[in-house]
Amino acid sequence: MNVGPEEIPPNQWGESEIRGPVHLFRERLLLRLFGRMQPGPRVLDAGCGSGSLALDLCRLGHRVAAFEYSDGFAKTLHQKIIRMGLQHRLSIFRGSATTLAYRSSSFDGLVCGEVLEHLPPEIGGDEAAVREFHRVLRPGAPCVASVPLNPRLWDHSDEWAGHVKRYTRDQFIALFTRSGFRVEQVRVWGFPLGRIYHRLLFAPWLRRTAGQAVGVREQRLDTRAAGRAGLVVLAAGLLRMDELFWRWPWGRGMVLCARRA
């Protein structure tokens, strides 16, 4: 679908992302759960960041439309699309999750990783975004979304990331059911290893490096793209142990699987 990008000024956060083990683990979890719901070929990546999840969806055979609020991320992914020759399988537009520039009932599936918690009330918030998700999906199409769990875990990393909120399980389910989705499953992730990693490694490192330039900060070994074949992959694999405790409410995040009614 040939639609133009919505003109939105660049945001202050989000011109780079920390692609460490938690990022990789969470994206793999989203992909596994999404695949089990047997989505059709045309998929929307709602808030694609620098495009790692969108590219994985292409590798799985989907035709992917992606949108992104951040100017930096959108330009990064556009360059990757050209370099990899994916113009016919992956498109990227700048825009907001609260006003999607797509026709109704035009997608066979939708993924939304760590986006809803960023949307402030003045632009409609997460309610407007989920209504838009429902509108652009075909009846019965799957939607998989992740958000941070537990308001009591709020700390400086949430402020750095530009989060508006952290969610309870009931709040997350209600958000989707109010918009006409049928929720099939909610899986919690990040306990116990994810919480240990955040408390002892990630949160202290983020506090130490918050004032550094992006290029300097991203020299950290386990956030470099080249490290994904080593430390990042190994650590992300270890974090899968937390999936044994997905029914327990003590993790750092959760993934919801739903279908458009």
Protein backbone atom coordinates (compact mmCIF):
# COMPACT_ATOMS: atom_id res chain seq x y z
CA MET A 1 0.00 0.00 0.00
CA ASN A 2 1.51 3.29 -1.08
CA VAL A 3 0.82 5.78 1.67
CA GLY A 4 2.96 8.73 2.63
CA PRO A 5 4.53 9.18 6.04
CA GLU A 6 2.82 11.33 8.60
CA GLU A 7 5.00 14.32 9.35
CA ILE A 8 5.89 14.19 13.03
CA PRO A 9 8.92 15.96 14.47
CA PRO A 10 11.67 13.70 15.83
CA ASN A 11 11.33 12.71 19.47
CA GLN A 12 14.01 13.25 22.06
CA TRP A 13 14.37 9.58 22.92
CA GLY A 14 14.76 6.69 20.55
CA GLU A 15 17.45 7.66 18.06
CA SER A 16 19.34 4.52 19.09
CA GLU A 17 18.41 1.35 20.91
CA ILE A 18 20.33 -0.87 23.27
CA ARG A 19 20.30 -4.22 21.53
CA GLY A 20 21.56 -6.36 24.37
CA PRO A 21 20.42 -9.79 25.56
CA VAL A 22 17.05 -8.64 26.94
CA HIS A 23 16.19 -7.02 23.61
CA LEU A 24 17.10 -10.17 21.70
CA PHE A 25 15.32 -12.49 24.14
CA ARG A 26 12.12 -10.41 24.02
CA GLU A 27 12.07 -10.25 20.22
CA ARG A 28 12.57 -14.01 19.95
CA LEU A 29 9.71 -14.53 22.40
CA LEU A 30 7.45 -12.24 20.36
CA LEU A 31 8.32 -14.10 17.16
CA ARG A 32 7.69 -17.53 18.68
CA LEU A 33 4.31 -16.57 20.10
CA PHE A 34 3.31 -14.76 16.92
CA GLY A 35 4.25 -17.75 14.77
CA ARG A 36 2.15 -20.10 16.88
CA MET A 37 -0.91 -17.97 16.10
CA GLN A 38 -0.48 -18.72 12.38
CA PRO A 39 -0.64 -15.19 10.95
CA GLY A 40 -1.23 -14.59 7.26
CA PRO A 41 1.32 -13.11 4.86
CA ARG A 42 0.71 -9.36 5.35
CA VAL A 43 2.02 -8.19 8.73
CA LEU A 44 2.36 -4.81 10.45
CA ASP A 45 5.26 -4.06 12.78
CA ALA A 46 3.85 -1.30 14.97
CA GLY A 47 6.75 0.83 16.18
CA CYS A 48 9.62 -1.01 14.53
CA GLY A 49 12.62 0.77 16.08
CA SER A 50 15.75 0.12 14.01
CA GLY A 51 14.02 -2.81 12.32
CA SER A 52 15.43 -6.00 13.85
CA LEU A 53 11.99 -7.54 14.41
CA ALA A 54 10.69 -6.41 11.00
CA LEU A 55 13.69 -8.01 9.29
CA ASP A 56 13.13 -11.27 11.17
CA LEU A 57 9.49 -11.27 10.08
CA CYS A 58 10.66 -10.90 6.47
CA ARG A 59 13.01 -13.85 6.91
CA LEU A 60 10.03 -15.91 8.07
CA GLY A 61 8.30 -15.18 4.76
CA HIS A 62 5.99 -12.31 5.66
CA ARG A 63 5.43 -9.13 3.68
CA VAL A 64 5.96 -6.47 6.31
CA ALA A 65 4.79 -2.90 6.62
CA ALA A 66 6.54 -1.05 9.43
CA PHE A 67 6.02 2.37 10.92
CA GLU A 68 8.16 4.28 13.37
CA TYR A 69 7.84 7.59 15.21
CA SER A 70 11.59 8.23 15.47
CA ASP A 71 13.23 9.91 12.51
CA GLY A 72 16.57 8.27 13.32
CA PHE A 73 15.14 4.77 13.45
CA ALA A 74 13.10 5.25 10.27
CA LYS A 75 16.16 6.44 8.34
CA THR A 76 18.25 3.56 9.69
CA LEU A 77 15.75 0.94 8.58
CA HIS A 78 15.23 2.60 5.20
CA GLN A 79 18.96 2.32 4.57
CA LYS A 80 18.91 -1.36 5.56
CA ILE A 81 16.00 -2.06 3.21
CA ILE A 82 17.89 -0.54 0.27
CA ARG A 83 21.15 -2.25 1.14
CA MET A 84 19.49 -5.67 1.51
CA GLY A 85 17.26 -5.31 -1.54
CA LEU A 86 14.03 -5.78 0.44
CA GLN A 87 11.98 -3.00 -1.16
CA HIS A 88 9.30 -5.46 -2.30
CA ARG A 89 9.00 -7.22 1.07
CA LEU A 90 9.44 -4.45 3.64
CA SER A 91 8.22 -0.85 3.71
CA ILE A 92 8.86 1.79 6.37
CA PHE A 93 6.87 4.95 7.09
CA ARG A 94 7.17 7.58 9.79
CA GLY A 95 4.04 7.95 11.85
CA SER A 96 2.26 7.54 15.16
CA ALA A 97 0.62 4.40 16.53
CA THR A 98 -2.42 6.47 17.44
CA THR A 99 -3.24 7.45 13.83
CA LEU A 100 -2.24 4.66 11.46
CA ALA A 101 -2.08 5.59 7.78
CA TYR A 102 -3.41 2.23 6.58
CA ARG A 103 -6.78 1.05 5.31
CA SER A 104 -9.12 -0.85 7.62
CA SER A 105 -8.84 -4.66 7.66
CA SER A 106 -5.64 -4.60 5.60
CA PHE A 107 -3.32 -6.79 7.71
CA ASP A 108 -3.18 -10.51 8.57
CA GLY A 109 -1.23 -9.95 11.78
CA LEU A 110 0.41 -7.30 13.94
CA VAL A 111 3.35 -7.20 16.34
CA CYS A 112 4.01 -4.35 18.76
CA GLY A 113 7.12 -4.62 20.90
CA GLU A 114 7.63 -2.10 23.73
CA VAL A 115 5.67 0.77 22.17
CA LEU A 116 2.40 1.30 24.04
CA GLU A 117 4.13 2.42 27.24
CA HIS A 118 5.59 5.43 25.37
CA LEU A 119 2.32 6.99 24.20
CA PRO A 120 1.23 10.07 26.21
CA PRO A 121 -2.46 10.91 26.79
CA GLU A 122 -2.25 14.14 24.77
CA ILE A 123 -1.95 12.15 21.52
CA GLY A 124 -4.56 9.56 22.54
CA GLY A 125 -2.32 7.24 24.52
CA ASP A 126 -2.38 3.46 24.38
CA GLU A 127 -6.18 3.38 24.04
CA ALA A 128 -6.06 5.18 20.69
CA ALA A 129 -3.25 2.92 19.47
CA VAL A 130 -5.03 -0.33 20.31
CA ARG A 131 -8.22 0.93 18.65
CA GLU A 132 -6.13 1.54 15.53
CA PHE A 133 -4.63 -1.95 15.78
CA HIS A 134 -8.15 -3.38 15.82
CA ARG A 135 -9.16 -1.25 12.84
CA VAL A 136 -6.30 -2.24 10.52
CA LEU A 137 -6.44 -5.98 11.30
CA ARG A 138 -8.70 -8.41 9.49
CA PRO A 139 -11.26 -10.30 11.63
CA GLY A 140 -9.55 -13.18 13.39
CA ALA A 141 -6.04 -11.83 12.74
CA PRO A 142 -3.52 -12.21 15.60
CA CYS A 143 -1.91 -9.40 17.54
CA VAL A 144 1.09 -9.88 19.83
CA ALA A 145 2.26 -6.98 22.01
CA SER A 146 4.75 -6.52 24.83
CA VAL A 147 4.97 -3.89 27.58
CA PRO A 148 6.88 -3.43 30.86
CA LEU A 149 5.23 -5.05 33.87
CA ASN A 150 4.55 -3.80 37.40
CA PRO A 151 4.39 -0.06 38.23
CA ARG A 152 6.34 -0.75 41.43
CA LEU A 153 9.42 -1.58 39.33
CA TRP A 154 9.58 1.98 37.92
CA ASP A 155 13.13 3.36 38.04
CA HIS A 156 15.55 5.65 36.19
CA SER A 157 15.64 3.31 33.20
CA ASP A 158 11.93 3.98 32.59
CA GLU A 159 12.56 7.71 32.71
CA TRP A 160 15.51 7.38 30.31
CA ALA A 161 13.38 5.34 27.90
CA GLY A 162 10.55 7.86 27.93
CA HIS A 163 7.97 5.51 29.40
CA VAL A 164 4.61 6.92 30.40
CA LYS A 165 3.66 3.90 32.49
CA ARG A 166 4.32 0.32 33.48
CA TYR A 167 1.31 -2.03 33.40
CA THR A 168 -0.39 -4.55 35.61
CA ARG A 169 -1.59 -7.75 33.98
CA ASP A 170 -5.25 -6.78 34.42
CA GLN A 171 -4.67 -3.31 32.91
CA PHE A 172 -3.01 -4.82 29.86
CA ILE A 173 -5.80 -7.31 29.24
CA ALA A 174 -8.50 -4.67 29.74
CA LEU A 175 -6.77 -2.34 27.28
CA PHE A 176 -7.25 -4.88 24.49
CA THR A 177 -10.66 -6.26 25.42
CA ARG A 178 -12.12 -2.73 25.48
CA SER A 179 -11.10 -2.32 21.84
CA GLY A 180 -12.70 -5.56 20.69
CA PHE A 181 -9.83 -8.03 20.94
CA ARG A 182 -10.17 -11.56 22.30
CA VAL A 183 -7.17 -12.14 24.58
CA GLU A 184 -5.84 -15.69 24.38
CA GLN A 185 -2.74 -15.58 26.57
CA VAL A 186 -0.51 -13.31 28.65
CA ARG A 187 3.03 -14.49 29.39
CA VAL A 188 5.26 -12.79 31.97
CA TRP A 189 9.01 -12.68 31.35
CA GLY A 190 12.02 -11.52 33.37
CA PHE A 191 11.94 -13.52 36.62
CA PRO A 192 14.30 -14.38 38.17
CA LEU A 193 17.24 -13.89 35.78
CA GLY A 194 15.83 -10.87 33.99
CA ARG A 195 15.41 -8.99 37.26
CA ILE A 196 18.91 -9.94 38.40
CA TYR A 197 20.39 -8.79 35.08
CA HIS A 198 18.55 -5.47 35.29
CA ARG A 199 19.43 -4.77 38.90
CA LEU A 200 23.09 -5.77 38.86
CA LEU A 201 24.18 -5.00 35.30
CA PHE A 202 21.89 -2.96 33.09
CA ALA A 203 20.47 -0.36 35.49
CA PRO A 204 23.86 0.55 37.01
CA TRP A 205 25.47 0.74 33.56
CA LEU A 206 22.68 2.96 32.26
CA ARG A 207 23.08 5.31 35.22
CA ARG A 208 26.84 5.53 34.64
CA THR A 209 26.56 6.19 30.91
CA ALA A 210 23.36 8.25 30.68
CA GLY A 211 25.28 11.43 29.89
CA GLN A 212 27.57 9.91 27.27
CA ALA A 213 27.25 10.35 23.53
CA VAL A 214 25.47 7.51 21.76
CA GLY A 215 28.59 6.36 19.93
CA VAL A 216 30.57 6.08 23.15
CA ARG A 217 27.82 4.38 25.10
CA GLU A 218 27.25 1.75 22.44
CA GLN A 219 30.84 0.51 22.66
CA ARG A 220 29.65 -1.68 25.52
CA LEU A 221 30.56 -5.23 24.48
CA ASP A 222 27.14 -6.87 24.84
CA THR A 223 25.29 -4.11 22.95
CA ARG A 224 27.39 -4.14 19.79
CA ALA A 225 25.73 -5.77 16.80
CA ALA A 226 28.87 -7.82 16.20
CA GLY A 227 28.52 -9.29 19.67
CA ARG A 228 25.16 -10.87 18.85
CA ALA A 229 26.98 -14.03 17.75
CA GLY A 230 28.66 -14.26 21.14
CA LEU A 231 27.78 -12.70 24.45
CA VAL A 232 24.37 -11.38 23.46
CA VAL A 233 23.14 -14.69 22.05
CA LEU A 234 24.51 -16.62 25.00
CA ALA A 235 22.93 -14.30 27.58
CA ALA A 236 19.62 -14.20 25.69
CA GLY A 237 19.60 -18.00 25.69
CA LEU A 238 20.12 -18.07 29.45
CA LEU A 239 17.22 -15.67 29.92
CA ARG A 240 14.93 -18.29 28.37
CA MET A 241 15.09 -20.10 31.71
CA ASP A 242 12.73 -17.42 32.99
CA GLU A 243 10.01 -18.82 30.72
CA LEU A 244 9.60 -21.62 33.26
CA PHE A 245 8.00 -18.99 35.51
CA TRP A 246 5.82 -17.24 32.93
CA ARG A 247 2.65 -17.70 34.99
CA TRP A 248 4.13 -15.90 38.00
CA PRO A 249 3.63 -12.10 38.34
CA TRP A 250 7.18 -11.17 39.36
CA GLY A 251 8.85 -10.49 36.03
CA ARG A 252 9.82 -7.22 34.36
CA GLY A 253 7.61 -7.48 31.30
CA MET A 254 4.78 -9.35 29.63
CA VAL A 255 3.58 -10.38 26.20
CA LEU A 256 -0.11 -10.49 25.29
CA CYS A 257 -1.52 -12.67 22.49
CA ALA A 258 -4.93 -11.64 21.16
CA ARG A 259 -7.12 -11.81 18.07
CA ARG A 260 -9.30 -9.22 16.45
CA ALA A 261 -12.87 -10.28 17.14
